[in-house]
Amino acid sequence: MLSKVSSATMALGTLAAPHLERGATQALSSLTNQSNAEASSQVEIAGEVASGTVSAVSTMCRALEISSKILARNIASNTVMIVSHKYGSDVAAVTEAAIAGPEGICKSTVEDPN
């Protein structure tokens, strides 16, 4: 899902960027009495900073998504192991089926993160 949001955001940014840059350059040059070249340079720098920020946030979100899937898978595995030690292999098998089965609690999060 994150990749679809990322693709949609990229497409929107590609369409909107030239219009926003022109408008921001005109507004900055009129507000600060700078030439269009100076204002354009400052808007370009601000755009690079914003692009880097979006890229960093996207990387962090992806890492959190992968980490949460790994954590959920490990919690499910350890739960089955603890139940097996405490109650036996039959109850552990039922627990594993409940966690990872078609109607299981962690089905969507226990999937492989890749």
PDB file of N, CA and C in Angstrom:
ATOM      1  N   MET A   1       0.824  -1.185   0.000  1.00  0.00           N
ATOM      2  CA  MET A   1       0.000   0.000   0.000  1.00  0.00           C
ATOM      3  C   MET A   1       0.874   1.256   0.000  1.00  0.00           C
ATOM      4  N   LEU A   2       1.956   1.193   0.753  1.00  0.00           N
ATOM      5  CA  LEU A   2       2.847   2.341   0.830  1.00  0.00           C
ATOM      6  C   LEU A   2       3.429   2.677  -0.534  1.00  0.00           C
ATOM      7  N   SER A   3       3.727   1.665  -1.342  1.00  0.00           N
ATOM      8  CA  SER A   3       4.293   1.922  -2.665  1.00  0.00           C
ATOM      9  C   SER A   3       3.267   2.602  -3.580  1.00  0.00           C
ATOM     10  N   LYS A   4       1.988   2.258  -3.433  1.00  0.00           N
ATOM     11  CA  LYS A   4       0.948   2.900  -4.248  1.00  0.00           C
ATOM     12  C   LYS A   4       0.776   4.371  -3.851  1.00  0.00           C
ATOM     13  N   VAL A   5       0.816   4.634  -2.555  1.00  0.00           N
ATOM     14  CA  VAL A   5       0.735   6.024  -2.082  1.00  0.00           C
ATOM     15  C   VAL A   5       1.943   6.801  -2.580  1.00  0.00           C
ATOM     16  N   SER A   6       3.103   6.163  -2.526  1.00  0.00           N
ATOM     17  CA  SER A   6       4.329   6.802  -2.992  1.00  0.00           C
ATOM     18  C   SER A   6       4.248   7.123  -4.482  1.00  0.00           C
ATOM     19  N   SER A   7       3.742   6.188  -5.273  1.00  0.00           N
ATOM     20  CA  SER A   7       3.610   6.411  -6.718  1.00  0.00           C
ATOM     21  C   SER A   7       2.630   7.537  -7.021  1.00  0.00           C
ATOM     22  N   ALA A   8       1.520   7.560  -6.308  1.00  0.00           N
ATOM     23  CA  ALA A   8       0.525   8.614  -6.517  1.00  0.00           C
ATOM     24  C   ALA A   8       1.084   9.978  -6.127  1.00  0.00           C
ATOM     25  N   THR A   9       1.822  10.015  -5.027  1.00  0.00           N
ATOM     26  CA  THR A   9       2.422  11.268  -4.591  1.00  0.00           C
ATOM     27  C   THR A   9       3.458  11.752  -5.587  1.00  0.00           C
ATOM     28  N   MET A  10       4.246  10.814  -6.134  1.00  0.00           N
ATOM     29  CA  MET A  10       5.252  11.162  -7.132  1.00  0.00           C
ATOM     30  C   MET A  10       4.604  11.748  -8.376  1.00  0.00           C
ATOM     31  N   ALA A  11       3.517  11.126  -8.835  1.00  0.00           N
ATOM     32  CA  ALA A  11       2.824  11.617 -10.023  1.00  0.00           C
ATOM     33  C   ALA A  11       2.242  13.011  -9.780  1.00  0.00           C
ATOM     34  N   LEU A  12       1.644  13.197  -8.621  1.00  0.00           N
ATOM     35  CA  LEU A  12       1.084  14.509  -8.281  1.00  0.00           C
ATOM     36  C   LEU A  12       2.184  15.563  -8.209  1.00  0.00           C
ATOM     37  N   GLY A  13       3.294  15.211  -7.587  1.00  0.00           N
ATOM     38  CA  GLY A  13       4.414  16.149  -7.485  1.00  0.00           C
ATOM     39  C   GLY A  13       4.978  16.518  -8.840  1.00  0.00           C
ATOM     40  N   THR A  14       5.073  15.549  -9.732  1.00  0.00           N
ATOM     41  CA  THR A  14       5.596  15.805 -11.077  1.00  0.00           C
ATOM     42  C   THR A  14       4.687  16.755 -11.849  1.00  0.00           C
ATOM     43  N   LEU A  15       3.378  16.599 -11.669  1.00  0.00           N
ATOM     44  CA  LEU A  15       2.445  17.490 -12.355  1.00  0.00           C
ATOM     45  C   LEU A  15       2.399  18.886 -11.742  1.00  0.00           C
ATOM     46  N   ALA A  16       2.455  18.951 -10.425  1.00  0.00           N
ATOM     47  CA  ALA A  16       2.269  20.228  -9.734  1.00  0.00           C
ATOM     48  C   ALA A  16       3.557  21.043  -9.601  1.00  0.00           C
ATOM     49  N   ALA A  17       4.707  20.399  -9.628  1.00  0.00           N
ATOM     50  CA  ALA A  17       5.979  21.084  -9.343  1.00  0.00           C
ATOM     51  C   ALA A  17       6.250  22.298 -10.226  1.00  0.00           C
ATOM     52  N   PRO A  18       6.115  22.204 -11.546  1.00  0.00           N
ATOM     53  CA  PRO A  18       6.414  23.386 -12.364  1.00  0.00           C
ATOM     54  C   PRO A  18       5.513  24.577 -12.042  1.00  0.00           C
ATOM     55  N   HIS A  19       4.240  24.302 -11.794  1.00  0.00           N
ATOM     56  CA  HIS A  19       3.302  25.387 -11.488  1.00  0.00           C
ATOM     57  C   HIS A  19       3.615  26.007 -10.130  1.00  0.00           C
ATOM     58  N   LEU A  20       3.900  25.156  -9.160  1.00  0.00           N
ATOM     59  CA  LEU A  20       4.249  25.666  -7.831  1.00  0.00           C
ATOM     60  C   LEU A  20       5.545  26.452  -7.859  1.00  0.00           C
ATOM     61  N   GLU A  21       6.519  25.978  -8.630  1.00  0.00           N
ATOM     62  CA  GLU A  21       7.807  26.668  -8.699  1.00  0.00           C
ATOM     63  C   GLU A  21       7.648  28.052  -9.318  1.00  0.00           C
ATOM     64  N   ARG A  22       6.877  28.143 -10.408  1.00  0.00           N
ATOM     65  CA  ARG A  22       6.655  29.450 -11.033  1.00  0.00           C
ATOM     66  C   ARG A  22       5.948  30.410 -10.067  1.00  0.00           C
ATOM     67  N   GLY A  23       4.890  29.919  -9.425  1.00  0.00           N
ATOM     68  CA  GLY A  23       4.140  30.772  -8.496  1.00  0.00           C
ATOM     69  C   GLY A  23       4.976  31.188  -7.297  1.00  0.00           C
ATOM     70  N   ALA A  24       5.738  30.253  -6.757  1.00  0.00           N
ATOM     71  CA  ALA A  24       6.576  30.574  -5.602  1.00  0.00           C
ATOM     72  C   ALA A  24       7.684  31.549  -5.977  1.00  0.00           C
ATOM     73  N   THR A  25       8.247  31.391  -7.168  1.00  0.00           N
ATOM     74  CA  THR A  25       9.298  32.316  -7.619  1.00  0.00           C
ATOM     75  C   THR A  25       8.732  33.722  -7.776  1.00  0.00           C
ATOM     76  N   GLN A  26       7.561  33.835  -8.385  1.00  0.00           N
ATOM     77  CA  GLN A  26       6.952  35.163  -8.554  1.00  0.00           C
ATOM     78  C   GLN A  26       6.605  35.789  -7.201  1.00  0.00           C
ATOM     79  N   ALA A  27       6.052  34.990  -6.302  1.00  0.00           N
ATOM     80  CA  ALA A  27       5.682  35.516  -4.985  1.00  0.00           C
ATOM     81  C   ALA A  27       6.910  35.939  -4.209  1.00  0.00           C
ATOM     82  N   LEU A  28       7.959  35.121  -4.233  1.00  0.00           N
ATOM     83  CA  LEU A  28       9.181  35.447  -3.492  1.00  0.00           C
ATOM     84  C   LEU A  28       9.859  36.685  -4.061  1.00  0.00           C
ATOM     85  N   SER A  29       9.901  36.792  -5.366  1.00  0.00           N
ATOM     86  CA  SER A  29      10.550  37.960  -5.963  1.00  0.00           C
ATOM     87  C   SER A  29       9.780  39.242  -5.673  1.00  0.00           C
ATOM     88  N   SER A  30       8.467  39.177  -5.639  1.00  0.00           N
ATOM     89  CA  SER A  30       7.693  40.396  -5.350  1.00  0.00           C
ATOM     90  C   SER A  30       7.708  40.747  -3.866  1.00  0.00           C
ATOM     91  N   LEU A  31       7.732  39.742  -2.998  1.00  0.00           N
ATOM     92  CA  LEU A  31       7.732  40.014  -1.558  1.00  0.00           C
ATOM     93  C   LEU A  31       9.079  40.496  -1.045  1.00  0.00           C
ATOM     94  N   THR A  32      10.160  39.984  -1.630  1.00  0.00           N
ATOM     95  CA  THR A  32      11.505  40.324  -1.128  1.00  0.00           C
ATOM     96  C   THR A  32      12.256  41.279  -2.037  1.00  0.00           C
ATOM     97  N   ASN A  33      11.621  41.733  -3.111  1.00  0.00           N
ATOM     98  CA  ASN A  33      12.250  42.628  -4.089  1.00  0.00           C
ATOM     99  C   ASN A  33      13.543  42.047  -4.657  1.00  0.00           C
ATOM    100  N   GLN A  34      13.545  40.733  -4.880  1.00  0.00           N
ATOM    101  CA  GLN A  34      14.689  40.065  -5.502  1.00  0.00           C
ATOM    102  C   GLN A  34      14.409  39.880  -6.982  1.00  0.00           C
ATOM    103  N   SER A  35      15.478  39.620  -7.728  1.00  0.00           N
ATOM    104  CA  SER A  35      15.278  39.310  -9.137  1.00  0.00           C
ATOM    105  C   SER A  35      14.674  37.914  -9.255  1.00  0.00           C
ATOM    106  N   ASN A  36      14.109  37.639 -10.412  1.00  0.00           N
ATOM    107  CA  ASN A  36      13.520  36.318 -10.632  1.00  0.00           C
ATOM    108  C   ASN A  36      14.576  35.219 -10.550  1.00  0.00           C
ATOM    109  N   ALA A  37      15.798  35.495 -10.971  1.00  0.00           N
ATOM    110  CA  ALA A  37      16.874  34.495 -10.924  1.00  0.00           C
ATOM    111  C   ALA A  37      17.218  34.139  -9.479  1.00  0.00           C
ATOM    112  N   GLU A  38      17.334  35.149  -8.616  1.00  0.00           N
ATOM    113  CA  GLU A  38      17.638  34.890  -7.197  1.00  0.00           C
ATOM    114  C   GLU A  38      16.503  34.129  -6.530  1.00  0.00           C
ATOM    115  N   ALA A  39      15.290  34.573  -6.795  1.00  0.00           N
ATOM    116  CA  ALA A  39      14.127  33.908  -6.205  1.00  0.00           C
ATOM    117  C   ALA A  39      14.019  32.475  -6.713  1.00  0.00           C
ATOM    118  N   SER A  40      14.270  32.260  -7.979  1.00  0.00           N
ATOM    119  CA  SER A  40      14.219  30.918  -8.555  1.00  0.00           C
ATOM    120  C   SER A  40      15.262  30.013  -7.914  1.00  0.00           C
ATOM    121  N   SER A  41      16.448  30.557  -7.663  1.00  0.00           N
ATOM    122  CA  SER A  41      17.511  29.780  -7.017  1.00  0.00           C
ATOM    123  C   SER A  41      17.099  29.368  -5.601  1.00  0.00           C
ATOM    124  N   GLN A  42      16.503  30.283  -4.870  1.00  0.00           N
ATOM    125  CA  GLN A  42      16.067  29.971  -3.508  1.00  0.00           C
ATOM    126  C   GLN A  42      14.927  28.954  -3.502  1.00  0.00           C
ATOM    127  N   VAL A  43      14.015  29.064  -4.439  1.00  0.00           N
ATOM    128  CA  VAL A  43      12.911  28.110  -4.537  1.00  0.00           C
ATOM    129  C   VAL A  43      13.460  26.730  -4.903  1.00  0.00           C
ATOM    130  N   GLU A  44      14.461  26.697  -5.776  1.00  0.00           N
ATOM    131  CA  GLU A  44      15.079  25.426  -6.157  1.00  0.00           C
ATOM    132  C   GLU A  44      15.748  24.753  -4.955  1.00  0.00           C
ATOM    133  N   ILE A  45      16.437  25.535  -4.136  1.00  0.00           N
ATOM    134  CA  ILE A  45      17.070  24.994  -2.925  1.00  0.00           C
ATOM    135  C   ILE A  45      16.000  24.463  -1.968  1.00  0.00           C
ATOM    136  N   ALA A  46      14.931  25.219  -1.793  1.00  0.00           N
ATOM    137  CA  ALA A  46      13.843  24.767  -0.912  1.00  0.00           C
ATOM    138  C   ALA A  46      13.210  23.484  -1.444  1.00  0.00           C
ATOM    139  N   GLY A  47      13.106  23.364  -2.753  1.00  0.00           N
ATOM    140  CA  GLY A  47      12.562  22.160  -3.372  1.00  0.00           C
ATOM    141  C   GLY A  47      13.449  20.950  -3.123  1.00  0.00           C
ATOM    142  N   GLU A  48      14.767  21.150  -3.188  1.00  0.00           N
ATOM    143  CA  GLU A  48      15.698  20.054  -2.918  1.00  0.00           C
ATOM    144  C   GLU A  48      15.601  19.601  -1.468  1.00  0.00           C
ATOM    145  N   VAL A  49      15.475  20.555  -0.550  1.00  0.00           N
ATOM    146  CA  VAL A  49      15.323  20.214   0.865  1.00  0.00           C
ATOM    147  C   VAL A  49      14.014  19.440   1.082  1.00  0.00           C
ATOM    148  N   ALA A  50      12.940  19.900   0.474  1.00  0.00           N
ATOM    149  CA  ALA A  50      11.654  19.211   0.614  1.00  0.00           C
ATOM    150  C   ALA A  50      11.716  17.808   0.013  1.00  0.00           C
ATOM    151  N   SER A  51      12.371  17.678  -1.120  1.00  0.00           N
ATOM    152  CA  SER A  51      12.504  16.371  -1.766  1.00  0.00           C
ATOM    153  C   SER A  51      13.289  15.405  -0.883  1.00  0.00           C
ATOM    154  N   GLY A  52      14.364  15.886  -0.295  1.00  0.00           N
ATOM    155  CA  GLY A  52      15.154  15.053   0.612  1.00  0.00           C
ATOM    156  C   GLY A  52      14.365  14.642   1.836  1.00  0.00           C
ATOM    157  N   THR A  53      13.558  15.547   2.341  1.00  0.00           N
ATOM    158  CA  THR A  53      12.736  15.248   3.507  1.00  0.00           C
ATOM    159  C   THR A  53      11.694  14.181   3.190  1.00  0.00           C
ATOM    160  N   VAL A  54      11.035  14.314   2.065  1.00  0.00           N
ATOM    161  CA  VAL A  54      10.032  13.330   1.663  1.00  0.00           C
ATOM    162  C   VAL A  54      10.691  11.970   1.458  1.00  0.00           C
ATOM    163  N   SER A  55      11.862  11.962   0.850  1.00  0.00           N
ATOM    164  CA  SER A  55      12.583  10.702   0.636  1.00  0.00           C
ATOM    165  C   SER A  55      12.949  10.054   1.960  1.00  0.00           C
ATOM    166  N   ALA A  56      13.405  10.843   2.918  1.00  0.00           N
ATOM    167  CA  ALA A  56      13.778  10.306   4.231  1.00  0.00           C
ATOM    168  C   ALA A  56      12.561   9.751   4.970  1.00  0.00           C
ATOM    169  N   VAL A  57      11.463  10.455   4.927  1.00  0.00           N
ATOM    170  CA  VAL A  57      10.242   9.991   5.593  1.00  0.00           C
ATOM    171  C   VAL A  57       9.745   8.708   4.933  1.00  0.00           C
ATOM    172  N   SER A  58       9.811   8.638   3.621  1.00  0.00           N
ATOM    173  CA  SER A  58       9.403   7.435   2.902  1.00  0.00           C
ATOM    174  C   SER A  58      10.269   6.244   3.298  1.00  0.00           C
ATOM    175  N   THR A  59      11.565   6.459   3.398  1.00  0.00           N
ATOM    176  CA  THR A  59      12.487   5.396   3.810  1.00  0.00           C
ATOM    177  C   THR A  59      12.179   4.937   5.230  1.00  0.00           C
ATOM    178  N   MET A  60      11.906   5.866   6.117  1.00  0.00           N
ATOM    179  CA  MET A  60      11.577   5.516   7.505  1.00  0.00           C
ATOM    180  C   MET A  60      10.265   4.725   7.575  1.00  0.00           C
ATOM    181  N   CYS A  61       9.271   5.138   6.817  1.00  0.00           N
ATOM    182  CA  CYS A  61       7.983   4.420   6.823  1.00  0.00           C
ATOM    183  C   CYS A  61       8.151   3.001   6.311  1.00  0.00           C
ATOM    184  N   ARG A  62       8.918   2.836   5.254  1.00  0.00           N
ATOM    185  CA  ARG A  62       9.158   1.494   4.706  1.00  0.00           C
ATOM    186  C   ARG A  62       9.890   0.626   5.721  1.00  0.00           C
ATOM    187  N   ALA A  63      10.899   1.197   6.385  1.00  0.00           N
ATOM    188  CA  ALA A  63      11.646   0.443   7.401  1.00  0.00           C
ATOM    189  C   ALA A  63      10.742   0.044   8.562  1.00  0.00           C
ATOM    190  N   LEU A  64       9.867   0.947   8.989  1.00  0.00           N
ATOM    191  CA  LEU A  64       8.932   0.621  10.071  1.00  0.00           C
ATOM    192  C   LEU A  64       7.949  -0.466   9.651  1.00  0.00           C
ATOM    193  N   GLU A  65       7.498  -0.413   8.412  1.00  0.00           N
ATOM    194  CA  GLU A  65       6.583  -1.432   7.919  1.00  0.00           C
ATOM    195  C   GLU A  65       7.251  -2.809   7.914  1.00  0.00           C
ATOM    196  N   ILE A  66       8.472  -2.881   7.423  1.00  0.00           N
ATOM    197  CA  ILE A  66       9.205  -4.149   7.393  1.00  0.00           C
ATOM    198  C   ILE A  66       9.489  -4.632   8.805  1.00  0.00           C
ATOM    199  N   SER A  67       9.918  -3.724   9.672  1.00  0.00           N
ATOM    200  CA  SER A  67      10.221  -4.102  11.056  1.00  0.00           C
ATOM    201  C   SER A  67       8.985  -4.618  11.786  1.00  0.00           C
ATOM    202  N   SER A  68       7.851  -4.006  11.543  1.00  0.00           N
ATOM    203  CA  SER A  68       6.630  -4.462  12.219  1.00  0.00           C
ATOM    204  C   SER A  68       6.236  -5.861  11.760  1.00  0.00           C
ATOM    205  N   LYS A  69       6.437  -6.158  10.486  1.00  0.00           N
ATOM    206  CA  LYS A  69       6.126  -7.496   9.991  1.00  0.00           C
ATOM    207  C   LYS A  69       7.069  -8.535  10.584  1.00  0.00           C
ATOM    208  N   ILE A  70       8.343  -8.189  10.675  1.00  0.00           N
ATOM    209  CA  ILE A  70       9.318  -9.103  11.276  1.00  0.00           C
ATOM    210  C   ILE A  70       8.990  -9.322  12.744  1.00  0.00           C
ATOM    211  N   LEU A  71       8.676  -8.254  13.454  1.00  0.00           N
ATOM    212  CA  LEU A  71       8.328  -8.359  14.873  1.00  0.00           C
ATOM    213  C   LEU A  71       7.089  -9.230  15.074  1.00  0.00           C
ATOM    214  N   ALA A  72       6.070  -9.022  14.263  1.00  0.00           N
ATOM    215  CA  ALA A  72       4.843  -9.814  14.392  1.00  0.00           C
ATOM    216  C   ALA A  72       5.120 -11.292  14.123  1.00  0.00           C
ATOM    217  N   ARG A  73       5.926 -11.564  13.106  1.00  0.00           N
ATOM    218  CA  ARG A  73       6.265 -12.952  12.794  1.00  0.00           C
ATOM    219  C   ARG A  73       7.029 -13.599  13.953  1.00  0.00           C
ATOM    220  N   ASN A  74       7.982 -12.860  14.537  1.00  0.00           N
ATOM    221  CA  ASN A  74       8.758 -13.398  15.658  1.00  0.00           C
ATOM    222  C   ASN A  74       7.905 -13.581  16.911  1.00  0.00           C
ATOM    223  N   ILE A  75       6.994 -12.657  17.165  1.00  0.00           N
ATOM    224  CA  ILE A  75       6.095 -12.799  18.318  1.00  0.00           C
ATOM    225  C   ILE A  75       5.219 -14.035  18.139  1.00  0.00           C
ATOM    226  N   ALA A  76       4.705 -14.234  16.933  1.00  0.00           N
ATOM    227  CA  ALA A  76       3.877 -15.412  16.674  1.00  0.00           C
ATOM    228  C   ALA A  76       4.681 -16.690  16.872  1.00  0.00           C
ATOM    229  N   SER A  77       5.895 -16.714  16.359  1.00  0.00           N
ATOM    230  CA  SER A  77       6.747 -17.898  16.493  1.00  0.00           C
ATOM    231  C   SER A  77       7.090 -18.179  17.953  1.00  0.00           C
ATOM    232  N   ASN A  78       7.440 -17.150  18.689  1.00  0.00           N
ATOM    233  CA  ASN A  78       7.776 -17.328  20.100  1.00  0.00           C
ATOM    234  C   ASN A  78       6.564 -17.708  20.935  1.00  0.00           C
ATOM    235  N   THR A  79       5.405 -17.205  20.572  1.00  0.00           N
ATOM    236  CA  THR A  79       4.179 -17.590  21.280  1.00  0.00           C
ATOM    237  C   THR A  79       3.932 -19.085  21.125  1.00  0.00           C
ATOM    238  N   VAL A  80       4.084 -19.590  19.913  1.00  0.00           N
ATOM    239  CA  VAL A  80       3.892 -21.019  19.666  1.00  0.00           C
ATOM    240  C   VAL A  80       4.923 -21.829  20.456  1.00  0.00           C
ATOM    241  N   MET A  81       6.166 -21.359  20.487  1.00  0.00           N
ATOM    242  CA  MET A  81       7.219 -22.062  21.213  1.00  0.00           C
ATOM    243  C   MET A  81       6.917 -22.100  22.719  1.00  0.00           C
ATOM    244  N   ILE A  82       6.483 -20.992  23.291  1.00  0.00           N
ATOM    245  CA  ILE A  82       6.169 -20.945  24.721  1.00  0.00           C
ATOM    246  C   ILE A  82       4.978 -21.851  25.042  1.00  0.00           C
ATOM    247  N   VAL A  83       3.952 -21.797  24.205  1.00  0.00           N
ATOM    248  CA  VAL A  83       2.782 -22.658  24.415  1.00  0.00           C
ATOM    249  C   VAL A  83       3.189 -24.124  24.317  1.00  0.00           C
ATOM    250  N   SER A  84       4.067 -24.444  23.396  1.00  0.00           N
ATOM    251  CA  SER A  84       4.549 -25.816  23.243  1.00  0.00           C
ATOM    252  C   SER A  84       5.269 -26.295  24.500  1.00  0.00           C
ATOM    253  N   HIS A  85       6.124 -25.455  25.068  1.00  0.00           N
ATOM    254  CA  HIS A  85       6.850 -25.836  26.288  1.00  0.00           C
ATOM    255  C   HIS A  85       5.916 -25.976  27.483  1.00  0.00           C
ATOM    256  N   LYS A  86       4.931 -25.091  27.559  1.00  0.00           N
ATOM    257  CA  LYS A  86       4.069 -25.083  28.731  1.00  0.00           C
ATOM    258  C   LYS A  86       2.924 -26.091  28.644  1.00  0.00           C
ATOM    259  N   TYR A  87       2.298 -26.205  27.450  1.00  0.00           N
ATOM    260  CA  TYR A  87       1.085 -27.016  27.335  1.00  0.00           C
ATOM    261  C   TYR A  87       1.216 -28.223  26.409  1.00  0.00           C
ATOM    262  N   GLY A  88       2.295 -28.331  25.687  1.00  0.00           N
ATOM    263  CA  GLY A  88       2.500 -29.477  24.813  1.00  0.00           C
ATOM    264  C   GLY A  88       2.321 -29.139  23.345  1.00  0.00           C
ATOM    265  N   SER A  89       2.722 -30.088  22.515  1.00  0.00           N
ATOM    266  CA  SER A  89       2.744 -29.844  21.071  1.00  0.00           C
ATOM    267  C   SER A  89       1.343 -29.762  20.449  1.00  0.00           C
ATOM    268  N   ASP A  90       0.371 -30.450  21.018  1.00  0.00           N
ATOM    269  CA  ASP A  90      -0.988 -30.386  20.470  1.00  0.00           C
ATOM    270  C   ASP A  90      -1.576 -28.981  20.600  1.00  0.00           C
ATOM    271  N   VAL A  91      -1.421 -28.399  21.780  1.00  0.00           N
ATOM    272  CA  VAL A  91      -1.940 -27.043  22.007  1.00  0.00           C
ATOM    273  C   VAL A  91      -1.128 -26.038  21.181  1.00  0.00           C
ATOM    274  N   ALA A  92       0.176 -26.293  21.033  1.00  0.00           N
ATOM    275  CA  ALA A  92       1.017 -25.410  20.211  1.00  0.00           C
ATOM    276  C   ALA A  92       0.561 -25.429  18.755  1.00  0.00           C
ATOM    277  N   ALA A  93       0.181 -26.611  18.262  1.00  0.00           N
ATOM    278  CA  ALA A  93      -0.300 -26.703  16.882  1.00  0.00           C
ATOM    279  C   ALA A  93      -1.594 -25.923  16.694  1.00  0.00           C
ATOM    280  N   VAL A  94      -2.478 -25.998  17.665  1.00  0.00           N
ATOM    281  CA  VAL A  94      -3.734 -25.237  17.604  1.00  0.00           C
ATOM    282  C   VAL A  94      -3.439 -23.736  17.662  1.00  0.00           C
ATOM    283  N   THR A  95      -2.501 -23.347  18.518  1.00  0.00           N
ATOM    284  CA  THR A  95      -2.121 -21.934  18.639  1.00  0.00           C
ATOM    285  C   THR A  95      -1.540 -21.426  17.326  1.00  0.00           C
ATOM    286  N   GLU A  96      -0.672 -22.229  16.725  1.00  0.00           N
ATOM    287  CA  GLU A  96      -0.068 -21.830  15.449  1.00  0.00           C
ATOM    288  C   GLU A  96      -1.131 -21.679  14.365  1.00  0.00           C
ATOM    289  N   ALA A  97      -2.084 -22.608  14.346  1.00  0.00           N
ATOM    290  CA  ALA A  97      -3.174 -22.520  13.366  1.00  0.00           C
ATOM    291  C   ALA A  97      -4.034 -21.287  13.605  1.00  0.00           C
ATOM    292  N   ALA A  98      -4.252 -20.946  14.870  1.00  0.00           N
ATOM    293  CA  ALA A  98      -5.062 -19.764  15.190  1.00  0.00           C
ATOM    294  C   ALA A  98      -4.351 -18.483  14.783  1.00  0.00           C
ATOM    295  N   ILE A  99      -3.043 -18.452  14.951  1.00  0.00           N
ATOM    296  CA  ILE A  99      -2.287 -17.235  14.627  1.00  0.00           C
ATOM    297  C   ILE A  99      -2.111 -17.067  13.123  1.00  0.00           C
ATOM    298  N   ALA A 100      -1.749 -18.138  12.430  1.00  0.00           N
ATOM    299  CA  ALA A 100      -1.380 -18.014  11.020  1.00  0.00           C
ATOM    300  C   ALA A 100      -2.415 -18.576  10.052  1.00  0.00           C
ATOM    301  N   GLY A 101      -3.527 -19.075  10.551  1.00  0.00           N
ATOM    302  CA  GLY A 101      -4.536 -19.676   9.679  1.00  0.00           C
ATOM    303  C   GLY A 101      -5.271 -18.661   8.844  1.00  0.00           C
ATOM    304  N   PRO A 102      -6.225 -19.127   8.025  1.00  0.00           N
ATOM    305  CA  PRO A 102      -6.959 -18.230   7.133  1.00  0.00           C
ATOM    306  C   PRO A 102      -7.718 -17.130   7.885  1.00  0.00           C
ATOM    307  N   GLU A 103      -8.209 -17.435   9.044  1.00  0.00           N
ATOM    308  CA  GLU A 103      -8.893 -16.436   9.865  1.00  0.00           C
ATOM    309  C   GLU A 103      -8.020 -16.044  11.053  1.00  0.00           C
ATOM    310  N   GLY A 104      -6.726 -16.290  10.955  1.00  0.00           N
ATOM    311  CA  GLY A 104      -5.801 -16.063  12.066  1.00  0.00           C
ATOM    312  C   GLY A 104      -5.664 -14.607  12.456  1.00  0.00           C
ATOM    313  N   ILE A 105      -5.253 -14.405  13.670  1.00  0.00           N
ATOM    314  CA  ILE A 105      -5.116 -13.066  14.239  1.00  0.00           C
ATOM    315  C   ILE A 105      -4.063 -12.254  13.500  1.00  0.00           C
ATOM    316  N   CYS A 106      -2.928 -12.875  13.219  1.00  0.00           N
ATOM    317  CA  CYS A 106      -1.790 -12.138  12.651  1.00  0.00           C
ATOM    318  C   CYS A 106      -1.564 -12.448  11.181  1.00  0.00           C
ATOM    319  N   LYS A 107      -2.567 -12.948  10.470  1.00  0.00           N
ATOM    320  CA  LYS A 107      -2.356 -13.368   9.085  1.00  0.00           C
ATOM    321  C   LYS A 107      -1.750 -12.269   8.230  1.00  0.00           C
ATOM    322  N   SER A 108      -2.262 -11.086   8.308  1.00  0.00           N
ATOM    323  CA  SER A 108      -1.762 -10.016   7.441  1.00  0.00           C
ATOM    324  C   SER A 108      -0.404  -9.498   7.872  1.00  0.00           C
ATOM    325  N   THR A 109      -0.061  -9.639   9.146  1.00  0.00           N
ATOM    326  CA  THR A 109       1.219  -9.100   9.586  1.00  0.00           C
ATOM    327  C   THR A 109       2.316 -10.143   9.632  1.00  0.00           C
ATOM    328  N   VAL A 110       1.983 -11.425   9.590  1.00  0.00           N
ATOM    329  CA  VAL A 110       2.997 -12.468   9.675  1.00  0.00           C
ATOM    330  C   VAL A 110       3.567 -12.793   8.294  1.00  0.00           C
ATOM    331  N   GLU A 111       3.018 -12.210   7.252  1.00  0.00           N
ATOM    332  CA  GLU A 111       3.503 -12.461   5.903  1.00  0.00           C
ATOM    333  C   GLU A 111       4.954 -12.017   5.770  1.00  0.00           C
ATOM    334  N   ASP A 112       5.630 -12.588   4.798  1.00  0.00           N
ATOM    335  CA  ASP A 112       7.021 -12.235   4.545  1.00  0.00           C
ATOM    336  C   ASP A 112       7.111 -10.769   4.126  1.00  0.00           C
ATOM    337  N   PRO A 113       8.020  -9.978   4.733  1.00  0.00           N
ATOM    338  CA  PRO A 113       8.074  -8.539   4.425  1.00  0.00           C
ATOM    339  C   PRO A 113       8.610  -8.239   3.038  1.00  0.00           C
ATOM    340  N   ASN A 114       9.153  -9.173   2.355  1.00  0.00           N
ATOM    341  CA  ASN A 114       9.719  -8.897   1.030  1.00  0.00           C
ATOM    342  C   ASN A 114       8.780  -9.202  -0.067  1.00  0.00           C
TER     343      ASN A 114
END
